[in-house]
């Protein structure tokens, strides 16, 4: 998964797309002065904040947000493969 960060005012954002072209996750990183806050959430039908945290540097916050999105993607893939198959 390739994540491209864009600058937006004082912060940064990224969008992780699904193969079908739908948005899977949105990631944001904002400077609070003392540290960088990061958030990962799902928009749309399954909207909600999945994870949030903070880091001392911009790059660490981006890394943490990306890792969180990757973990969520891995959990979703595992759920889909372990779900019982209908007959």
C-alpha atoms as a PDB file:
ATOM      1  CA  UNK A   1       0.000   0.000   0.000  1.00  0.00           C
ATOM      2  CA  UNK A   2       1.415   3.354  -1.020  1.00  0.00           C
ATOM      3  CA  UNK A   3       0.406   6.342   1.102  1.00  0.00           C
ATOM      4  CA  UNK A   4       0.956   9.867  -0.200  1.00  0.00           C
ATOM      5  CA  UNK A   5       0.764  12.689   2.329  1.00  0.00           C
ATOM      6  CA  UNK A   6      -0.499  16.152   1.331  1.00  0.00           C
ATOM      7  CA  UNK A   7       0.007  19.374   3.287  1.00  0.00           C
ATOM      8  CA  UNK A   8      -3.153  21.124   4.425  1.00  0.00           C
ATOM      9  CA  UNK A   9      -2.651  24.331   6.418  1.00  0.00           C
ATOM     10  CA  UNK A  10      -0.726  23.397   9.565  1.00  0.00           C
ATOM     11  CA  UNK A  11      -1.210  19.659   9.157  1.00  0.00           C
ATOM     12  CA  UNK A  12      -1.026  16.785   6.711  1.00  0.00           C
ATOM     13  CA  UNK A  13      -3.544  14.284   5.406  1.00  0.00           C
ATOM     14  CA  UNK A  14      -3.576  11.089   3.375  1.00  0.00           C
ATOM     15  CA  UNK A  15      -6.256   8.883   1.864  1.00  0.00           C
ATOM     16  CA  UNK A  16      -5.954   5.109   1.557  1.00  0.00           C
ATOM     17  CA  UNK A  17      -8.061   3.764  -1.286  1.00  0.00           C
ATOM     18  CA  UNK A  18      -9.611   0.325  -1.784  1.00  0.00           C
ATOM     19  CA  UNK A  19      -8.993  -1.483  -5.073  1.00  0.00           C
ATOM     20  CA  UNK A  20     -12.584  -0.681  -6.119  1.00  0.00           C
ATOM     21  CA  UNK A  21     -11.774   3.048  -5.851  1.00  0.00           C
ATOM     22  CA  UNK A  22     -13.588   3.680  -2.566  1.00  0.00           C
ATOM     23  CA  UNK A  23     -11.902   5.410   0.359  1.00  0.00           C
ATOM     24  CA  UNK A  24     -10.792   2.852   2.942  1.00  0.00           C
ATOM     25  CA  UNK A  25      -9.105   5.141   5.501  1.00  0.00           C
ATOM     26  CA  UNK A  26      -8.325   8.786   6.040  1.00  0.00           C
ATOM     27  CA  UNK A  27      -5.234   9.750   7.997  1.00  0.00           C
ATOM     28  CA  UNK A  28      -4.428  13.143   9.499  1.00  0.00           C
ATOM     29  CA  UNK A  29      -1.438  14.557  11.346  1.00  0.00           C
ATOM     30  CA  UNK A  30      -1.610  17.945  13.075  1.00  0.00           C
ATOM     31  CA  UNK A  31       0.903  19.922  15.110  1.00  0.00           C
ATOM     32  CA  UNK A  32      -0.344  20.738  18.604  1.00  0.00           C
ATOM     33  CA  UNK A  33       2.787  22.691  19.540  1.00  0.00           C
ATOM     34  CA  UNK A  34       4.275  20.174  21.966  1.00  0.00           C
ATOM     35  CA  UNK A  35       3.790  17.140  19.712  1.00  0.00           C
ATOM     36  CA  UNK A  36       2.095  15.860  16.546  1.00  0.00           C
ATOM     37  CA  UNK A  37      -1.398  14.334  16.864  1.00  0.00           C
ATOM     38  CA  UNK A  38      -2.420  11.622  14.405  1.00  0.00           C
ATOM     39  CA  UNK A  39      -5.809  10.083  13.642  1.00  0.00           C
ATOM     40  CA  UNK A  40      -6.989   7.226  11.423  1.00  0.00           C
ATOM     41  CA  UNK A  41     -10.680   6.859  10.602  1.00  0.00           C
ATOM     42  CA  UNK A  42     -13.068   5.268   8.128  1.00  0.00           C
ATOM     43  CA  UNK A  43     -15.477   7.519   6.253  1.00  0.00           C
ATOM     44  CA  UNK A  44     -18.868   6.584   4.870  1.00  0.00           C
ATOM     45  CA  UNK A  45     -20.996   3.609   5.858  1.00  0.00           C
ATOM     46  CA  UNK A  46     -18.496   2.374   8.455  1.00  0.00           C
ATOM     47  CA  UNK A  47     -17.540   5.832   9.676  1.00  0.00           C
ATOM     48  CA  UNK A  48     -15.669   6.193  12.911  1.00  0.00           C
ATOM     49  CA  UNK A  49     -12.314   6.897  14.454  1.00  0.00           C
ATOM     50  CA  UNK A  50     -10.210   3.767  14.588  1.00  0.00           C
ATOM     51  CA  UNK A  51      -7.060   4.998  16.268  1.00  0.00           C
ATOM     52  CA  UNK A  52      -5.408   8.177  17.433  1.00  0.00           C
ATOM     53  CA  UNK A  53      -2.217   9.069  19.189  1.00  0.00           C
ATOM     54  CA  UNK A  54       0.674  11.493  19.232  1.00  0.00           C
ATOM     55  CA  UNK A  55       4.391  11.533  18.548  1.00  0.00           C
ATOM     56  CA  UNK A  56       7.241  13.956  19.091  1.00  0.00           C
ATOM     57  CA  UNK A  57       8.068  14.401  15.395  1.00  0.00           C
ATOM     58  CA  UNK A  58       6.100  14.748  12.189  1.00  0.00           C
ATOM     59  CA  UNK A  59       7.688  11.687  10.623  1.00  0.00           C
ATOM     60  CA  UNK A  60       7.018   9.543  13.688  1.00  0.00           C
ATOM     61  CA  UNK A  61       3.345  10.616  13.686  1.00  0.00           C
ATOM     62  CA  UNK A  62       3.008   9.804   9.975  1.00  0.00           C
ATOM     63  CA  UNK A  63       4.671   6.423  10.546  1.00  0.00           C
ATOM     64  CA  UNK A  64       2.336   5.629  13.466  1.00  0.00           C
ATOM     65  CA  UNK A  65      -0.765   6.590  11.453  1.00  0.00           C
ATOM     66  CA  UNK A  66       0.360   4.484   8.485  1.00  0.00           C
ATOM     67  CA  UNK A  67       1.106   1.487  10.704  1.00  0.00           C
ATOM     68  CA  UNK A  68      -2.324   1.811  12.307  1.00  0.00           C
ATOM     69  CA  UNK A  69      -4.026   1.850   8.896  1.00  0.00           C
ATOM     70  CA  UNK A  70      -1.994  -1.174   7.783  1.00  0.00           C
ATOM     71  CA  UNK A  71      -2.945  -3.084  10.938  1.00  0.00           C
ATOM     72  CA  UNK A  72      -6.625  -2.301  10.343  1.00  0.00           C
ATOM     73  CA  UNK A  73      -6.313  -3.460   6.751  1.00  0.00           C
ATOM     74  CA  UNK A  74      -4.652  -6.698   7.905  1.00  0.00           C
ATOM     75  CA  UNK A  75      -7.404  -7.293  10.511  1.00  0.00           C
ATOM     76  CA  UNK A  76     -10.096  -6.747   7.885  1.00  0.00           C
ATOM     77  CA  UNK A  77      -8.409  -9.161   5.491  1.00  0.00           C
ATOM     78  CA  UNK A  78      -8.106 -11.777   8.259  1.00  0.00           C
ATOM     79  CA  UNK A  79     -11.784 -11.349   9.177  1.00  0.00           C
ATOM     80  CA  UNK A  80     -12.835 -11.857   5.567  1.00  0.00           C
ATOM     81  CA  UNK A  81     -10.717 -14.994   5.094  1.00  0.00           C
ATOM     82  CA  UNK A  82     -11.743 -16.569   8.404  1.00  0.00           C
ATOM     83  CA  UNK A  83     -15.456 -15.865   7.997  1.00  0.00           C
ATOM     84  CA  UNK A  84     -17.579 -18.972   7.470  1.00  0.00           C
ATOM     85  CA  UNK A  85     -18.424 -19.574   3.831  1.00  0.00           C
ATOM     86  CA  UNK A  86     -22.100 -19.731   2.945  1.00  0.00           C
ATOM     87  CA  UNK A  87     -23.274 -22.734   0.942  1.00  0.00           C
END
